[in-house]
Structures are given as C-alpha cells and as structure tokens.
Amino acid sequence: TMSTNDWEEMYNNSIQASRDNTIDQKALKELHLAVEAILKAGLSEHSQYPVPDGHDTPTYAKRLDVPKEFRQTISYLEAVYRRRYPNDPKFPTRDQAEIRSEVQDLRDWIAKRYL
C-alpha cells in the first residue's frame, strides 16, 4: 500500500517528467499521472476506503469534491491519457505549461483541504 508521501513523490516525479518531455502529448500524459497521484494522495487522507487501483481521475476528483474549474482540466487529461493515437491532428492540444500550472493549482487545493 502506498502512503500519502509516496503519492506526493509520484506527483513530483510526474511533474518533472512533464517538464523534461518535449513532445506535448507525452508531457500531457505525464501531467495526467501527476493528477492521478495527487488525487490518490488526497483520497488516502480523506477516505476510509483503500485508494483505488486504476486511472479514473474524474471519479477520484468527484469523491474529493474538486471544483468544476479543475475538473475540466482533469477530464481533458483523462481523454489525452486514454487516446490510442495521441498524435491525431483532430484532437485539440492545449499548451502543456498552462496545463502544468493548473495541475499545480489543483495540488495546492488538495494539499490545503486534505494533506
């Protein structure tokens, strides 16, 4: 079982990996993993149930009552993560620095309420 500190370390590693990656879609997938890790850190502190396996970040966000402003970014990153062909030109790509900033704001929100 992973501790809250383990989840926070995974968050930090994923944020760094997103900075190191020059391919937007891969960086965005790393940001999805950062979101997953920080949501699971919040769940490990907030819920009496074990932290779930899997990558269903929209459900985890709902359990933590994450505000709508963050849930839009979470849903976008979930879609990026689940795409089989992430370089599809029809799929809207958002700026990774902007998304990273939103993910860090989400981390601050979760830390203030749950960590």
Protein backbone atom coordinates (compact mmCIF):
# COMPACT_ATOMS: atom_id res chain seq x y z
CA THR A 1 0.00 0.00 0.00
CA MET A 2 1.32 3.43 -0.92
CA SER A 3 1.41 6.21 1.65
CA THR A 4 0.40 9.80 1.11
CA ASN A 5 4.11 10.67 0.90
CA ASP A 6 4.58 8.02 -1.82
CA TRP A 7 1.73 9.56 -3.83
CA GLU A 8 3.20 13.04 -3.40
CA GLU A 9 6.60 11.79 -4.56
CA MET A 10 4.96 10.22 -7.61
CA TYR A 11 3.23 13.57 -8.28
CA ASN A 12 6.58 15.42 -8.13
CA ASN A 13 8.25 12.87 -10.43
CA SER A 14 5.45 13.16 -12.99
CA ILE A 15 5.56 16.97 -12.92
CA GLN A 16 9.31 16.82 -13.55
CA ALA A 17 8.88 14.27 -16.33
CA SER A 18 6.32 16.56 -17.99
CA ARG A 19 8.88 19.40 -17.92
CA ASP A 20 11.58 17.16 -19.37
CA ASN A 21 9.43 15.90 -22.24
CA THR A 22 9.50 17.94 -25.43
CA ILE A 23 6.62 16.03 -27.07
CA ASP A 24 3.38 17.70 -25.96
CA GLN A 25 1.23 14.57 -25.94
CA LYS A 26 3.74 12.67 -23.81
CA ALA A 27 4.10 15.62 -21.45
CA LEU A 28 0.32 15.79 -21.12
CA LYS A 29 0.20 12.08 -20.28
CA GLU A 30 2.77 12.71 -17.53
CA LEU A 31 0.54 15.51 -16.23
CA HIS A 32 -2.37 13.06 -16.14
CA LEU A 33 -0.22 10.79 -13.95
CA ALA A 34 0.58 13.77 -11.71
CA VAL A 35 -3.15 14.48 -11.33
CA GLU A 36 -3.81 10.82 -10.56
CA ALA A 37 -1.08 10.77 -7.91
CA ILE A 38 -2.21 13.92 -6.11
CA LEU A 39 -5.86 12.82 -6.18
CA LYS A 40 -4.84 9.47 -4.70
CA ALA A 41 -2.82 11.30 -2.03
CA GLY A 42 -6.00 13.21 -1.14
CA LEU A 43 -8.04 10.01 -1.12
CA SER A 44 -5.52 8.28 1.12
CA GLU A 45 -6.04 11.03 3.71
CA HIS A 46 -9.76 11.63 3.17
CA SER A 47 -11.37 8.24 2.67
CA GLN A 48 -11.78 5.29 4.98
CA TYR A 49 -11.57 3.02 1.92
CA PRO A 50 -8.33 1.86 0.27
CA VAL A 51 -7.03 4.03 -2.56
CA PRO A 52 -8.43 2.51 -5.76
CA ASP A 53 -6.30 0.96 -8.47
CA GLY A 54 -6.68 2.40 -11.93
CA HIS A 55 -6.61 5.78 -13.59
CA ASP A 56 -10.19 7.06 -13.30
CA THR A 57 -9.27 10.60 -12.31
CA PRO A 58 -12.72 12.15 -12.93
CA THR A 59 -14.25 9.75 -10.40
CA TYR A 60 -11.48 10.42 -7.86
CA ALA A 61 -11.99 14.18 -8.30
CA LYS A 62 -15.72 13.79 -7.68
CA ARG A 63 -15.05 11.86 -4.45
CA LEU A 64 -12.91 14.76 -3.22
CA ASP A 65 -15.44 17.44 -4.30
CA VAL A 66 -12.86 19.05 -6.58
CA PRO A 67 -14.24 22.30 -8.04
CA LYS A 68 -15.50 22.39 -11.62
CA GLU A 69 -12.63 24.66 -12.74
CA PHE A 70 -10.20 21.79 -12.06
CA ARG A 71 -12.49 19.02 -13.27
CA GLN A 72 -12.42 20.40 -16.82
CA THR A 73 -8.63 20.04 -16.91
CA ILE A 74 -8.85 16.62 -15.27
CA SER A 75 -11.32 15.45 -17.92
CA TYR A 76 -9.12 16.81 -20.72
CA LEU A 77 -6.06 14.99 -19.34
CA GLU A 78 -8.11 11.81 -18.90
CA ALA A 79 -9.03 11.99 -22.59
CA VAL A 80 -5.39 12.53 -23.55
CA TYR A 81 -4.34 9.58 -21.40
CA ARG A 82 -6.90 7.23 -22.94
CA ARG A 83 -6.22 8.15 -26.56
CA ARG A 84 -4.83 5.27 -28.53
CA TYR A 85 -3.42 7.60 -31.18
CA PRO A 86 -2.35 10.70 -29.27
CA ASN A 87 -0.97 12.49 -32.35
CA ASP A 88 -4.37 12.61 -34.07
CA PRO A 89 -4.49 16.13 -35.56
CA LYS A 90 -8.24 16.35 -34.87
CA PHE A 91 -7.64 16.10 -31.13
CA PRO A 92 -7.25 19.54 -29.52
CA THR A 93 -3.84 20.02 -27.92
CA ARG A 94 -3.53 22.52 -25.10
CA ASP A 95 -0.35 24.23 -24.00
CA GLN A 96 1.50 21.97 -21.57
CA ALA A 97 2.84 24.87 -19.46
CA GLU A 98 -0.71 26.17 -18.96
CA ILE A 99 -1.97 22.72 -18.02
CA ARG A 100 1.01 22.18 -15.68
CA SER A 101 0.14 25.42 -13.90
CA GLU A 102 -3.48 24.26 -13.49
CA VAL A 103 -2.29 20.89 -12.16
CA GLN A 104 -0.08 22.65 -9.63
CA ASP A 105 -3.05 24.80 -8.57
CA LEU A 106 -5.05 21.58 -8.13
CA ARG A 107 -2.24 20.18 -5.97
CA ASP A 108 -2.36 23.31 -3.79
CA TRP A 109 -6.14 22.99 -3.45
CA ILE A 110 -5.90 19.34 -2.41
CA ALA A 111 -3.00 19.99 -0.03
CA LYS A 112 -4.93 22.77 1.72
CA ARG A 113 -8.00 20.57 2.27
CA TYR A 114 -6.69 17.06 2.70
CA LEU A 115 -2.93 16.80 3.23
